[in-house]
Every structure is written in C-alpha cells, then in structure tokens.
C-alpha cells in the first residue's frame, strides 16, 4: 500500500545571531523577529527574542559578539502558492516570498537613551545545511538638518514603529536611510517532506559557511 502524501512540509531552523560590526558604537543589544506570509505557520520555537548587551572585543577586530540562539520551526502547504505542477518555481519564489528574519540593533547615545543603531533583514535559507549570512544594517534619517539636530538634542532618533516594515517593500522607496554596520547570522536548516510534496530545494548552499554541521539536513 502506497504511503500517504503529506499535506504540509516543515522547515526547521536553528542557529544564532553571531556577531556584529559597528565601528562607531559599543554596548549594543539585538532584537529579532520573523516575518512570514499566510501560507506559513510557526509550530515550535520562538518567533522573536532579545539578546544580552555586549561590548566590543579587545582584539584588533573590535567585534561585538552575541552568539544569541535562534530556534524555530515553520510548516507550510506551499511556499506562497508555488504549484506542485511547477516545483522548479520554488527556487524563484522562495527568495521573495519565504520567511524572513528581521534584526534591530539598539544602544545608548551620549545622553544614555536607548536608540536604534541599525535595521536589517534576510530570508531564511531553504537549502538544507549550514549557512552563514552577513546583513548590512541601516538607520532611517531625518529629512532636514533642523530635524537631525532636534532628534539628537531630544534623544529621539528616527525609527520604525514596527520593525517588520523592514521586510516589506511597500513605502520603503520614500524612506531616507543611511548604511551603518553589519550583523552576521548562522543558520542550520533541516526540511521534512519537502521532496514528497514535489519540491526540490537543491543541494545545500554552504557558501560562506564555517563547515559541515550535523544539525542541517533533510528528514524523510
């Protein structure tokens, strides 16, 4: 008797918000949250978290090290309507439609107020294995010199009401931003029943990874 075809597939992700480089700032902490569409649902783990405050290392790199863990599992019937008749579309649709992790980095200004030091987002890799990603961070900018001075003096820098807007394209083209720092993440990705539903995630994309990891792979 043929085995029943599963109705959903699982995407299991663990890893860590590893480190950051912000040459102008120190004593920073990081928040993360996941953004996903209507075809996705979390089944285990945490969708958001906040790290400890960390200071720069004393070596020449002056890196901020968090090693803050990420652990979440998603289920989906299909990646945003990618039809089973066209499984090759997964590699095209996932980069624009799959789950994303949004990062927000905060730290003290000269007055001791917590202000945003950077926003960034990256899509969760869909290939099983270990993946390393370095995300360029940015901050919103005031539109005039007077606004810049007022926000600095009042300790109220421009920031997004909802950081999840970083993962969305709508309205972003009218926002003035400035690049500021980088954050490095490490993902270990495991999928289950993806191939049974007719999708081919391809070989593990380990470009930039530190090496093989038993945490990444494909479950039957």
N, C-alpha and C. Protein backbone atom coordinates (compact mmCIF):
# COMPACT_ATOMS: atom_id res chain seq x y z
N UNK A 1 0.85 -1.19 0.00
CA UNK A 1 0.00 0.00 0.00
C UNK A 1 0.88 1.25 0.00
N UNK A 2 0.60 2.16 -0.92
CA UNK A 2 1.44 3.34 -1.06
C UNK A 2 1.26 4.26 0.16
N UNK A 3 2.38 4.87 0.55
CA UNK A 3 2.34 5.79 1.69
C UNK A 3 1.56 7.04 1.31
N UNK A 4 0.82 7.58 2.26
CA UNK A 4 0.02 8.78 2.02
C UNK A 4 0.95 9.98 1.79
N UNK A 5 0.57 10.83 0.85
CA UNK A 5 1.34 12.04 0.58
C UNK A 5 1.08 13.05 1.69
N UNK A 6 2.10 13.59 2.33
CA UNK A 6 1.89 14.55 3.43
C UNK A 6 1.19 15.81 2.92
N UNK A 7 0.46 16.48 3.80
CA UNK A 7 -0.26 17.70 3.41
C UNK A 7 0.55 18.96 3.65
N UNK A 8 1.60 18.86 4.46
CA UNK A 8 2.45 20.03 4.75
C UNK A 8 3.92 19.59 4.74
N UNK A 9 4.80 20.57 4.62
CA UNK A 9 6.21 20.30 4.83
C UNK A 9 6.70 21.18 5.98
N UNK A 10 7.82 20.79 6.57
CA UNK A 10 8.37 21.51 7.72
C UNK A 10 9.72 22.14 7.35
N UNK A 11 9.94 23.31 7.89
CA UNK A 11 11.23 23.99 7.78
C UNK A 11 11.72 24.26 9.19
N UNK A 12 12.78 23.56 9.58
CA UNK A 12 13.32 23.68 10.94
C UNK A 12 14.63 24.47 10.88
N UNK A 13 14.69 25.53 11.65
CA UNK A 13 15.83 26.44 11.62
C UNK A 13 16.36 26.65 13.03
N UNK A 14 17.64 26.40 13.22
CA UNK A 14 18.29 26.85 14.44
C UNK A 14 19.63 27.47 14.07
N UNK A 15 20.23 28.13 15.00
CA UNK A 15 21.47 28.83 14.72
C UNK A 15 21.67 29.94 15.73
N UNK A 16 22.23 31.05 15.28
CA UNK A 16 22.48 32.13 16.22
C UNK A 16 22.74 33.45 15.50
N UNK A 17 22.35 34.53 16.20
CA UNK A 17 22.81 35.86 15.80
C UNK A 17 24.22 35.95 16.37
N UNK A 18 25.17 35.80 15.49
CA UNK A 18 26.54 35.53 15.93
C UNK A 18 27.29 36.77 16.43
N UNK A 19 27.42 37.77 15.57
CA UNK A 19 28.25 38.92 15.92
C UNK A 19 27.87 40.12 15.07
N UNK A 20 28.49 41.25 15.37
CA UNK A 20 28.20 42.48 14.63
C UNK A 20 29.44 43.36 14.59
N UNK A 21 29.45 44.25 13.60
CA UNK A 21 30.49 45.26 13.49
C UNK A 21 29.83 46.62 13.31
N UNK A 22 29.98 47.45 14.33
CA UNK A 22 29.50 48.83 14.30
C UNK A 22 30.67 49.70 14.77
N UNK A 23 31.52 50.16 13.85
CA UNK A 23 32.76 50.86 14.23
C UNK A 23 32.55 52.04 15.17
N UNK A 24 31.40 52.73 15.04
CA UNK A 24 31.20 53.95 15.82
C UNK A 24 30.54 53.71 17.18
N UNK A 25 30.06 52.48 17.44
CA UNK A 25 29.23 52.27 18.63
C UNK A 25 29.67 51.05 19.42
N UNK A 26 29.27 51.04 20.70
CA UNK A 26 29.60 49.94 21.60
C UNK A 26 28.41 49.70 22.53
N UNK A 27 28.49 48.61 23.31
CA UNK A 27 27.46 48.26 24.28
C UNK A 27 26.08 48.16 23.61
N UNK A 28 25.97 47.26 22.64
CA UNK A 28 24.75 47.11 21.86
C UNK A 28 24.04 45.80 22.17
N UNK A 29 22.72 45.79 21.93
CA UNK A 29 21.95 44.55 22.02
C UNK A 29 21.09 44.43 20.77
N UNK A 30 20.57 43.25 20.53
CA UNK A 30 19.87 42.95 19.29
C UNK A 30 18.50 42.33 19.57
N UNK A 31 17.51 42.72 18.78
CA UNK A 31 16.19 42.07 18.78
C UNK A 31 15.99 41.40 17.43
N UNK A 32 15.29 40.26 17.44
CA UNK A 32 14.94 39.65 16.17
C UNK A 32 13.47 39.24 16.19
N UNK A 33 12.88 39.17 15.00
CA UNK A 33 11.54 38.63 14.84
C UNK A 33 11.44 38.05 13.43
N UNK A 34 10.50 37.12 13.24
CA UNK A 34 10.30 36.51 11.93
C UNK A 34 9.07 37.10 11.26
N UNK A 35 9.16 37.26 9.95
CA UNK A 35 8.04 37.73 9.13
C UNK A 35 7.73 36.64 8.12
N UNK A 36 6.47 36.25 8.02
CA UNK A 36 6.08 35.17 7.11
C UNK A 36 4.67 35.42 6.61
N UNK A 37 4.32 34.78 5.50
CA UNK A 37 3.04 35.01 4.86
C UNK A 37 1.94 34.08 5.33
N UNK A 38 0.81 34.18 4.68
CA UNK A 38 -0.38 33.45 5.11
C UNK A 38 -0.27 31.95 4.90
N UNK A 39 0.63 31.50 4.05
CA UNK A 39 0.80 30.07 3.82
C UNK A 39 1.75 29.42 4.82
N UNK A 40 2.26 30.21 5.76
CA UNK A 40 3.22 29.71 6.73
C UNK A 40 2.65 29.82 8.15
N UNK A 41 3.08 28.91 9.03
CA UNK A 41 2.67 28.97 10.43
C UNK A 41 3.77 28.38 11.30
N UNK A 42 4.14 29.05 12.39
CA UNK A 42 5.13 28.50 13.31
C UNK A 42 4.53 27.35 14.12
N UNK A 43 5.28 26.29 14.31
CA UNK A 43 4.80 25.14 15.08
C UNK A 43 5.61 24.89 16.35
N UNK A 44 6.81 25.44 16.42
CA UNK A 44 7.65 25.25 17.60
C UNK A 44 8.70 26.35 17.64
N UNK A 45 9.28 26.55 18.82
CA UNK A 45 10.34 27.54 18.96
C UNK A 45 9.81 28.93 19.22
N UNK A 46 10.70 29.91 19.08
CA UNK A 46 10.38 31.30 19.39
C UNK A 46 10.41 32.14 18.11
N UNK A 47 9.39 32.98 17.95
CA UNK A 47 9.32 33.85 16.78
C UNK A 47 10.09 35.15 16.98
N UNK A 48 10.43 35.48 18.22
CA UNK A 48 11.15 36.72 18.47
C UNK A 48 12.00 36.56 19.73
N UNK A 49 12.98 37.43 19.86
CA UNK A 49 13.86 37.35 21.02
C UNK A 49 14.68 38.63 21.15
N UNK A 50 15.29 38.80 22.32
CA UNK A 50 16.15 39.96 22.59
C UNK A 50 17.42 39.47 23.28
N UNK A 51 18.55 39.91 22.80
CA UNK A 51 19.84 39.42 23.29
C UNK A 51 20.31 40.20 24.52
N UNK A 52 21.44 39.77 25.03
CA UNK A 52 22.12 40.50 26.08
C UNK A 52 22.86 41.69 25.48
N UNK A 53 23.25 42.64 26.34
CA UNK A 53 24.10 43.75 25.90
C UNK A 53 25.54 43.25 25.84
N UNK A 54 26.23 43.57 24.76
CA UNK A 54 27.62 43.12 24.64
C UNK A 54 28.52 44.28 24.28
N UNK A 55 29.78 44.18 24.69
CA UNK A 55 30.79 45.19 24.39
C UNK A 55 31.77 44.64 23.36
N UNK A 56 32.50 45.54 22.74
CA UNK A 56 33.44 45.13 21.69
C UNK A 56 34.58 44.30 22.27
N UNK A 57 35.04 43.35 21.44
CA UNK A 57 36.19 42.54 21.83
C UNK A 57 37.43 43.42 21.91
N UNK A 58 38.41 42.95 22.65
CA UNK A 58 39.61 43.74 22.86
C UNK A 58 40.68 43.52 21.79
N UNK A 59 40.42 42.60 20.84
CA UNK A 59 41.40 42.37 19.79
C UNK A 59 41.26 43.43 18.70
N UNK A 60 42.05 43.28 17.64
CA UNK A 60 42.09 44.30 16.59
C UNK A 60 40.79 44.36 15.80
N UNK A 61 39.99 43.29 15.83
CA UNK A 61 38.76 43.28 15.03
C UNK A 61 37.66 44.15 15.66
N UNK A 62 37.68 44.29 16.97
CA UNK A 62 36.68 45.09 17.69
C UNK A 62 35.26 44.65 17.32
N UNK A 63 35.01 43.35 17.45
CA UNK A 63 33.73 42.76 17.07
C UNK A 63 32.82 42.67 18.29
N UNK A 64 31.52 42.89 18.07
CA UNK A 64 30.51 42.67 19.11
C UNK A 64 30.00 41.25 18.97
N UNK A 65 30.18 40.43 19.99
CA UNK A 65 29.79 39.01 19.93
C UNK A 65 28.58 38.76 20.82
N UNK A 66 27.48 38.27 20.20
CA UNK A 66 26.29 37.91 20.95
C UNK A 66 26.14 36.40 21.08
N UNK A 67 26.31 35.67 19.99
CA UNK A 67 26.04 34.22 19.96
C UNK A 67 24.65 33.93 20.55
N UNK A 68 23.67 34.72 20.11
CA UNK A 68 22.31 34.61 20.65
C UNK A 68 21.53 33.57 19.85
N UNK A 69 20.97 32.54 20.50
CA UNK A 69 20.39 31.41 19.76
C UNK A 69 19.07 31.74 19.05
N UNK A 70 18.90 31.08 17.90
CA UNK A 70 17.65 31.11 17.14
C UNK A 70 17.17 29.67 17.02
N UNK A 71 15.89 29.44 17.24
CA UNK A 71 15.34 28.08 17.12
C UNK A 71 13.85 28.18 16.82
N UNK A 72 13.45 27.84 15.61
CA UNK A 72 12.04 27.95 15.21
C UNK A 72 11.74 26.91 14.14
N UNK A 73 10.51 26.44 14.10
CA UNK A 73 10.04 25.50 13.08
C UNK A 73 8.78 26.05 12.44
N UNK A 74 8.76 26.06 11.11
CA UNK A 74 7.58 26.50 10.36
C UNK A 74 6.99 25.33 9.61
N UNK A 75 5.68 25.39 9.38
CA UNK A 75 5.04 24.45 8.48
C UNK A 75 4.35 25.25 7.37
N UNK A 76 4.21 24.62 6.21
CA UNK A 76 3.55 25.29 5.09
C UNK A 76 2.98 24.26 4.14
N UNK A 77 1.89 24.63 3.49
CA UNK A 77 1.33 23.76 2.45
C UNK A 77 2.03 24.00 1.14
N UNK A 78 2.44 25.21 0.88
CA UNK A 78 3.26 25.55 -0.27
C UNK A 78 3.88 26.92 -0.04
N UNK A 79 5.01 27.18 -0.66
CA UNK A 79 5.66 28.47 -0.48
C UNK A 79 4.98 29.55 -1.31
N UNK A 80 3.96 30.15 -0.74
CA UNK A 80 3.21 31.24 -1.37
C UNK A 80 2.65 30.86 -2.72
N UNK A 81 1.93 29.76 -2.76
CA UNK A 81 1.19 29.42 -3.96
C UNK A 81 2.01 28.81 -5.06
N UNK A 82 3.24 28.37 -4.77
CA UNK A 82 4.04 27.70 -5.80
C UNK A 82 3.37 26.36 -6.12
N UNK A 83 2.80 26.17 -7.32
CA UNK A 83 2.02 24.98 -7.62
C UNK A 83 2.88 23.74 -7.74
N UNK A 84 2.30 22.60 -7.32
CA UNK A 84 3.02 21.34 -7.41
C UNK A 84 3.38 20.99 -8.85
N UNK A 85 2.62 21.51 -9.80
CA UNK A 85 2.91 21.22 -11.19
C UNK A 85 4.19 21.89 -11.67
N UNK A 86 4.65 22.90 -10.91
CA UNK A 86 5.86 23.62 -11.30
C UNK A 86 6.82 23.71 -10.11
N UNK A 87 7.34 22.57 -9.64
CA UNK A 87 8.18 22.59 -8.44
C UNK A 87 9.45 23.40 -8.60
N UNK A 88 9.90 23.57 -9.86
CA UNK A 88 11.13 24.34 -10.06
C UNK A 88 10.95 25.80 -9.67
N UNK A 89 9.69 26.28 -9.58
CA UNK A 89 9.44 27.67 -9.20
C UNK A 89 9.81 27.95 -7.76
N UNK A 90 10.01 26.91 -6.96
CA UNK A 90 10.37 27.13 -5.55
C UNK A 90 11.62 27.98 -5.43
N UNK A 91 12.63 27.70 -6.26
CA UNK A 91 13.88 28.45 -6.17
C UNK A 91 13.71 29.90 -6.59
N UNK A 92 12.63 30.19 -7.36
CA UNK A 92 12.38 31.56 -7.77
C UNK A 92 11.51 32.30 -6.77
N UNK A 93 10.50 31.62 -6.20
CA UNK A 93 9.55 32.27 -5.32
C UNK A 93 10.04 32.41 -3.89
N UNK A 94 10.82 31.42 -3.42
CA UNK A 94 11.25 31.46 -2.02
C UNK A 94 12.03 32.72 -1.68
N UNK A 95 13.03 33.13 -2.52
CA UNK A 95 13.80 34.32 -2.14
C UNK A 95 12.96 35.56 -1.95
N UNK A 96 11.80 35.66 -2.62
CA UNK A 96 10.97 36.85 -2.47
C UNK A 96 9.77 36.63 -1.55
N UNK A 97 9.39 35.36 -1.29
CA UNK A 97 8.16 35.09 -0.56
C UNK A 97 8.36 34.28 0.73
N UNK A 98 9.52 33.70 0.94
CA UNK A 98 9.72 32.84 2.10
C UNK A 98 9.89 33.61 3.39
N UNK A 99 9.97 32.90 4.54
CA UNK A 99 10.14 33.56 5.84
C UNK A 99 11.41 34.39 5.90
N UNK A 100 11.32 35.51 6.58
CA UNK A 100 12.47 36.40 6.78
C UNK A 100 12.70 36.62 8.27
N UNK A 101 13.94 36.86 8.62
CA UNK A 101 14.27 37.28 9.98
C UNK A 101 14.66 38.75 9.93
N UNK A 102 14.03 39.54 10.80
CA UNK A 102 14.28 40.98 10.87
C UNK A 102 15.08 41.28 12.13
N UNK A 103 16.15 42.04 11.99
CA UNK A 103 17.02 42.39 13.11
C UNK A 103 16.94 43.88 13.40
N UNK A 104 16.96 44.21 14.69
CA UNK A 104 17.02 45.61 15.14
C UNK A 104 18.09 45.69 16.22
N UNK A 105 19.05 46.57 16.03
CA UNK A 105 20.15 46.72 16.99
C UNK A 105 20.01 48.06 17.71
N UNK A 106 20.16 48.02 19.04
CA UNK A 106 19.98 49.22 19.85
C UNK A 106 21.19 49.42 20.77
N UNK A 107 21.38 50.69 21.17
CA UNK A 107 22.45 51.01 22.10
C UNK A 107 22.28 52.42 22.63
N UNK A 108 23.09 52.80 23.63
CA UNK A 108 22.94 54.12 24.25
C UNK A 108 23.54 55.24 23.42
N UNK A 109 22.89 56.41 23.47
CA UNK A 109 23.52 57.60 22.87
C UNK A 109 24.30 58.34 23.95
N UNK A 110 24.75 59.56 23.65
CA UNK A 110 25.58 60.30 24.61
C UNK A 110 24.82 60.69 25.86
N UNK A 111 23.48 60.68 25.78
CA UNK A 111 22.67 61.03 26.93
C UNK A 111 22.19 59.80 27.70
N UNK A 112 22.60 58.61 27.24
CA UNK A 112 22.20 57.38 27.91
C UNK A 112 20.86 56.83 27.46
N UNK A 113 20.27 57.41 26.43
CA UNK A 113 18.99 56.90 25.91
C UNK A 113 19.24 55.75 24.94
N UNK A 114 18.39 54.73 24.99
CA UNK A 114 18.47 53.64 24.02
C UNK A 114 17.93 54.11 22.68
N UNK A 115 18.76 54.05 21.65
CA UNK A 115 18.35 54.46 20.30
C UNK A 115 18.71 53.36 19.32
N UNK A 116 18.02 53.33 18.20
CA UNK A 116 18.28 52.29 17.20
C UNK A 116 19.60 52.58 16.50
N UNK A 117 20.39 51.55 16.33
CA UNK A 117 21.68 51.65 15.64
C UNK A 117 21.68 50.94 14.30
N UNK A 118 20.63 50.19 14.01
CA UNK A 118 20.57 49.54 12.71
C UNK A 118 19.40 48.59 12.57
N UNK A 119 18.85 48.54 11.35
CA UNK A 119 17.84 47.57 10.97
C UNK A 119 18.37 46.74 9.81
N UNK A 120 17.91 45.50 9.72
CA UNK A 120 18.28 44.65 8.60
C UNK A 120 17.39 43.43 8.54
N UNK A 121 17.37 42.78 7.39
CA UNK A 121 16.54 41.58 7.22
C UNK A 121 17.19 40.66 6.19
N UNK A 122 16.92 39.36 6.33
CA UNK A 122 17.42 38.38 5.37
C UNK A 122 16.43 37.23 5.32
N UNK A 123 16.30 36.59 4.15
CA UNK A 123 15.43 35.44 4.02
C UNK A 123 16.08 34.20 4.63
N UNK A 124 15.27 33.37 5.26
CA UNK A 124 15.75 32.10 5.80
C UNK A 124 16.14 31.21 4.62
N UNK A 125 17.33 30.63 4.60
CA UNK A 125 17.71 29.74 3.51
C UNK A 125 16.78 28.53 3.42
N UNK A 126 16.51 28.05 2.21
CA UNK A 126 15.63 26.89 2.07
C UNK A 126 16.41 25.62 1.76
N UNK A 127 17.70 25.74 1.47
CA UNK A 127 18.51 24.55 1.22
C UNK A 127 18.98 23.96 2.54
N UNK A 128 18.80 22.65 2.75
CA UNK A 128 19.28 22.02 3.98
C UNK A 128 20.79 22.20 4.13
N UNK A 129 21.23 22.41 5.35
CA UNK A 129 22.66 22.56 5.62
C UNK A 129 22.94 23.75 6.50
N UNK A 130 24.20 24.13 6.50
CA UNK A 130 24.65 25.24 7.33
C UNK A 130 24.92 26.46 6.45
N UNK A 131 24.42 27.60 6.88
CA UNK A 131 24.53 28.81 6.07
C UNK A 131 24.96 29.97 6.96
N UNK A 132 25.85 30.79 6.42
CA UNK A 132 26.28 31.99 7.12
C UNK A 132 25.90 33.21 6.29
N UNK A 133 25.29 34.18 6.93
CA UNK A 133 24.84 35.38 6.23
C UNK A 133 25.33 36.63 6.98
N UNK A 134 25.84 37.60 6.22
CA UNK A 134 26.22 38.88 6.78
C UNK A 134 25.27 39.93 6.24
N UNK A 135 24.56 40.60 7.14
CA UNK A 135 23.48 41.51 6.76
C UNK A 135 23.95 42.96 6.93
N UNK A 136 23.89 43.76 5.86
CA UNK A 136 24.16 45.20 6.02
C UNK A 136 23.01 45.87 6.76
N UNK A 137 23.33 46.70 7.72
CA UNK A 137 22.32 47.36 8.55
C UNK A 137 22.18 48.82 8.12
N UNK A 138 21.02 49.40 8.41
CA UNK A 138 20.77 50.79 8.06
C UNK A 138 19.89 51.44 9.13
N UNK A 139 19.88 52.77 9.15
CA UNK A 139 19.00 53.52 10.04
C UNK A 139 18.25 54.57 9.23
N UNK A 140 17.00 54.87 9.63
CA UNK A 140 16.28 55.97 8.97
C UNK A 140 16.96 57.30 9.29
N UNK A 141 16.86 58.23 8.35
CA UNK A 141 17.47 59.54 8.53
C UNK A 141 16.41 60.64 8.54
N UNK A 142 16.65 61.68 9.32
CA UNK A 142 15.78 62.86 9.28
C UNK A 142 15.94 63.55 7.93
N UNK A 143 14.88 64.24 7.51
CA UNK A 143 14.89 64.84 6.17
C UNK A 143 15.51 66.23 6.13
N UNK A 144 15.82 66.82 7.28
CA UNK A 144 16.42 68.16 7.30
C UNK A 144 17.44 68.25 8.44
N UNK A 145 18.33 69.24 8.34
CA UNK A 145 19.34 69.45 9.38
C UNK A 145 18.69 69.84 10.71
N UNK A 146 17.59 70.61 10.63
CA UNK A 146 16.89 71.01 11.85
C UNK A 146 16.31 69.79 12.56
N UNK A 147 15.69 68.90 11.79
CA UNK A 147 15.14 67.67 12.37
C UNK A 147 16.25 66.81 12.97
N UNK A 148 17.40 66.74 12.29
CA UNK A 148 18.53 65.97 12.81
C UNK A 148 18.99 66.51 14.16
N UNK A 149 19.12 67.85 14.24
CA UNK A 149 19.57 68.45 15.50
C UNK A 149 18.53 68.25 16.60
N UNK A 150 17.26 68.45 16.26
CA UNK A 150 16.19 68.29 17.25
C UNK A 150 16.13 66.86 17.78
N UNK A 151 16.22 65.88 16.88
CA UNK A 151 16.16 64.48 17.31
C UNK A 151 17.37 64.12 18.16
N UNK A 152 18.55 64.67 17.82
CA UNK A 152 19.76 64.41 18.62
C UNK A 152 19.62 65.05 20.00
N UNK A 153 19.17 66.28 20.04
CA UNK A 153 19.06 67.01 21.30
C UNK A 153 18.01 66.40 22.22
N UNK A 154 16.89 65.96 21.65
CA UNK A 154 15.81 65.39 22.44
C UNK A 154 16.02 63.90 22.73
N UNK A 155 17.03 63.29 22.12
CA UNK A 155 17.28 61.87 22.33
C UNK A 155 16.23 60.98 21.68
N UNK A 156 15.58 61.49 20.63
CA UNK A 156 14.54 60.73 19.94
C UNK A 156 14.93 60.61 18.47
N UNK A 157 15.74 59.59 18.16
CA UNK A 157 16.18 59.38 16.79
C UNK A 157 15.04 58.78 15.96
N UNK A 158 15.05 59.01 14.64
CA UNK A 158 14.03 58.39 13.77
C UNK A 158 14.12 56.87 13.84
N UNK A 159 13.00 56.20 14.01
CA UNK A 159 12.96 54.75 13.99
C UNK A 159 11.58 54.29 13.54
N UNK A 160 11.51 53.03 13.11
CA UNK A 160 10.25 52.48 12.63
C UNK A 160 9.35 52.10 13.81
N UNK A 161 8.07 52.40 13.69
CA UNK A 161 7.11 52.00 14.72
C UNK A 161 7.05 50.48 14.83
N UNK A 162 7.08 49.81 13.68
CA UNK A 162 7.09 48.35 13.62
C UNK A 162 8.29 47.91 12.79
N UNK A 163 9.30 47.27 13.40
CA UNK A 163 10.49 46.85 12.65
C UNK A 163 10.19 45.92 11.48
N UNK A 164 9.03 45.25 11.50
CA UNK A 164 8.70 44.31 10.43
C UNK A 164 8.57 44.99 9.08
N UNK A 165 8.42 46.33 9.08
CA UNK A 165 8.34 47.05 7.81
C UNK A 165 9.62 46.88 7.01
N UNK A 166 10.71 46.55 7.70
CA UNK A 166 12.00 46.34 7.02
C UNK A 166 11.91 45.20 6.01
N UNK A 167 11.07 44.22 6.29
CA UNK A 167 10.94 43.05 5.41
C UNK A 167 9.94 43.26 4.29
N UNK A 168 9.34 44.44 4.23
CA UNK A 168 8.32 44.73 3.21
C UNK A 168 8.80 45.83 2.29
N UNK A 169 8.42 45.74 1.04
CA UNK A 169 8.86 46.73 0.07
C UNK A 169 8.00 47.97 0.03
N UNK A 170 6.74 47.85 0.46
CA UNK A 170 5.79 48.95 0.33
C UNK A 170 6.20 50.14 1.18
N UNK A 171 6.37 51.29 0.54
CA UNK A 171 6.70 52.52 1.24
C UNK A 171 8.18 52.73 1.50
N UNK A 172 8.98 51.69 1.27
CA UNK A 172 10.41 51.81 1.56
C UNK A 172 11.12 52.78 0.62
N UNK A 173 10.59 52.94 -0.60
CA UNK A 173 11.27 53.80 -1.57
C UNK A 173 11.25 55.27 -1.18
N UNK A 174 10.36 55.67 -0.26
CA UNK A 174 10.28 57.07 0.14
C UNK A 174 10.97 57.30 1.49
N UNK A 175 11.61 56.30 2.03
CA UNK A 175 12.30 56.43 3.32
C UNK A 175 13.77 56.70 3.10
N UNK A 176 14.27 57.77 3.67
CA UNK A 176 15.69 58.09 3.57
C UNK A 176 16.45 57.31 4.65
N UNK A 177 17.46 56.56 4.24
CA UNK A 177 18.21 55.73 5.19
C UNK A 177 19.71 55.92 4.99
N UNK A 178 20.47 55.45 5.98
CA UNK A 178 21.93 55.52 5.93
C UNK A 178 22.50 54.18 6.37
N UNK A 179 23.46 53.64 5.61
CA UNK A 179 24.09 52.37 5.96
C UNK A 179 24.90 52.52 7.23
N UNK A 180 24.88 51.48 8.05
CA UNK A 180 25.55 51.59 9.35
C UNK A 180 25.77 50.21 9.96
N UNK A 181 26.93 49.60 9.72
CA UNK A 181 27.30 48.36 10.37
C UNK A 181 26.81 47.11 9.67
N UNK A 182 27.23 45.97 10.23
CA UNK A 182 26.88 44.65 9.71
C UNK A 182 26.61 43.70 10.87
N UNK A 183 25.69 42.75 10.63
CA UNK A 183 25.41 41.68 11.60
C UNK A 183 25.57 40.34 10.89
N UNK A 184 26.21 39.38 11.55
CA UNK A 184 26.43 38.05 10.98
C UNK A 184 25.55 37.03 11.68
N UNK A 185 24.83 36.22 10.89
CA UNK A 185 23.96 35.16 11.40
C UNK A 185 24.43 33.82 10.89
N UNK A 186 24.17 32.79 11.69
CA UNK A 186 24.46 31.42 11.30
C UNK A 186 23.16 30.62 11.37
N UNK A 187 22.81 29.95 10.25
CA UNK A 187 21.60 29.13 10.18
C UNK A 187 21.97 27.67 9.99
N UNK A 188 21.30 26.78 10.71
CA UNK A 188 21.30 25.35 10.42
C UNK A 188 19.88 24.99 10.00
N UNK A 189 19.73 24.52 8.77
CA UNK A 189 18.40 24.30 8.19
C UNK A 189 18.15 22.82 7.95
N UNK A 190 16.97 22.35 8.38
CA UNK A 190 16.51 20.98 8.13
C UNK A 190 15.10 21.07 7.54
N UNK A 191 14.84 20.31 6.49
CA UNK A 191 13.49 20.27 5.91
C UNK A 191 12.92 18.86 6.05
N UNK A 192 11.61 18.78 6.08
CA UNK A 192 10.93 17.48 6.17
C UNK A 192 9.74 17.47 5.21
N UNK A 193 9.67 16.43 4.39
CA UNK A 193 8.58 16.19 3.44
C UNK A 193 8.54 17.19 2.30
N UNK A 194 9.60 17.96 2.11
CA UNK A 194 9.63 18.92 1.01
C UNK A 194 9.64 18.19 -0.34
N UNK A 195 10.48 17.17 -0.46
CA UNK A 195 10.56 16.41 -1.72
C UNK A 195 9.31 15.57 -1.95
N UNK A 196 8.70 15.08 -0.87
CA UNK A 196 7.50 14.26 -1.03
C UNK A 196 6.34 15.06 -1.63
N UNK A 197 6.38 16.39 -1.42
CA UNK A 197 5.35 17.25 -1.99
C UNK A 197 5.70 17.73 -3.39
N UNK A 198 6.85 17.28 -3.90
CA UNK A 198 7.21 17.61 -5.27
C UNK A 198 8.16 18.77 -5.44
N UNK A 199 8.68 19.31 -4.32
CA UNK A 199 9.60 20.43 -4.40
C UNK A 199 11.04 19.95 -4.30
N UNK A 200 11.92 20.64 -5.01
CA UNK A 200 13.33 20.30 -4.98
C UNK A 200 14.10 21.52 -4.50
N UNK A 201 14.60 21.44 -3.28
CA UNK A 201 15.35 22.56 -2.71
C UNK A 201 16.78 22.58 -3.20
N UNK A 202 17.21 21.54 -3.91
CA UNK A 202 18.56 21.50 -4.44
C UNK A 202 19.58 21.14 -3.39
N UNK A 203 20.85 21.13 -3.76
CA UNK A 203 21.91 20.79 -2.80
C UNK A 203 22.07 21.88 -1.78
N UNK A 204 22.64 21.53 -0.64
CA UNK A 204 22.86 22.51 0.42
C UNK A 204 23.76 23.62 -0.08
N UNK A 205 23.32 24.87 0.14
CA UNK A 205 24.11 26.03 -0.25
C UNK A 205 24.98 26.43 0.95
N UNK A 206 26.19 25.94 0.95
CA UNK A 206 27.05 26.17 2.11
C UNK A 206 28.06 27.28 1.85
N UNK A 207 27.81 28.09 0.82
CA UNK A 207 28.73 29.18 0.54
C UNK A 207 28.82 30.11 1.73
N UNK A 208 30.03 30.34 2.17
CA UNK A 208 30.23 31.22 3.31
C UNK A 208 30.05 30.55 4.66
N UNK A 209 29.74 29.24 4.67
CA UNK A 209 29.55 28.55 5.94
C UNK A 209 30.88 28.18 6.55
N UNK A 210 30.83 27.88 7.83
CA UNK A 210 32.06 27.55 8.54
C UNK A 210 32.46 26.11 8.35
N UNK A 211 31.53 25.28 7.89
CA UNK A 211 31.85 23.87 7.69
C UNK A 211 30.63 23.02 7.87
N UNK A 212 30.75 21.71 7.69
CA UNK A 212 29.57 20.84 7.81
C UNK A 212 29.05 20.80 9.23
N UNK A 213 27.74 20.62 9.33
CA UNK A 213 27.12 20.57 10.65
C UNK A 213 26.08 19.46 10.67
N UNK A 214 26.06 18.62 11.68
CA UNK A 214 25.05 17.57 11.76
C UNK A 214 23.66 18.10 11.95
N UNK A 215 23.53 19.42 12.29
CA UNK A 215 22.22 19.98 12.54
C UNK A 215 21.46 20.24 11.25
N UNK A 216 22.15 20.29 10.12
CA UNK A 216 21.49 20.61 8.86
C UNK A 216 21.28 19.37 8.04
N UNK A 217 20.13 19.28 7.35
CA UNK A 217 19.90 18.14 6.50
C UNK A 217 18.45 18.03 6.13
N UNK A 218 18.10 16.90 5.54
CA UNK A 218 16.73 16.63 5.14
C UNK A 218 16.22 15.40 5.84
N UNK A 219 15.06 15.53 6.47
CA UNK A 219 14.46 14.39 7.13
C UNK A 219 13.52 13.68 6.17
N UNK A 220 13.31 12.40 6.32
CA UNK A 220 12.43 11.68 5.41
C UNK A 220 10.99 12.15 5.55
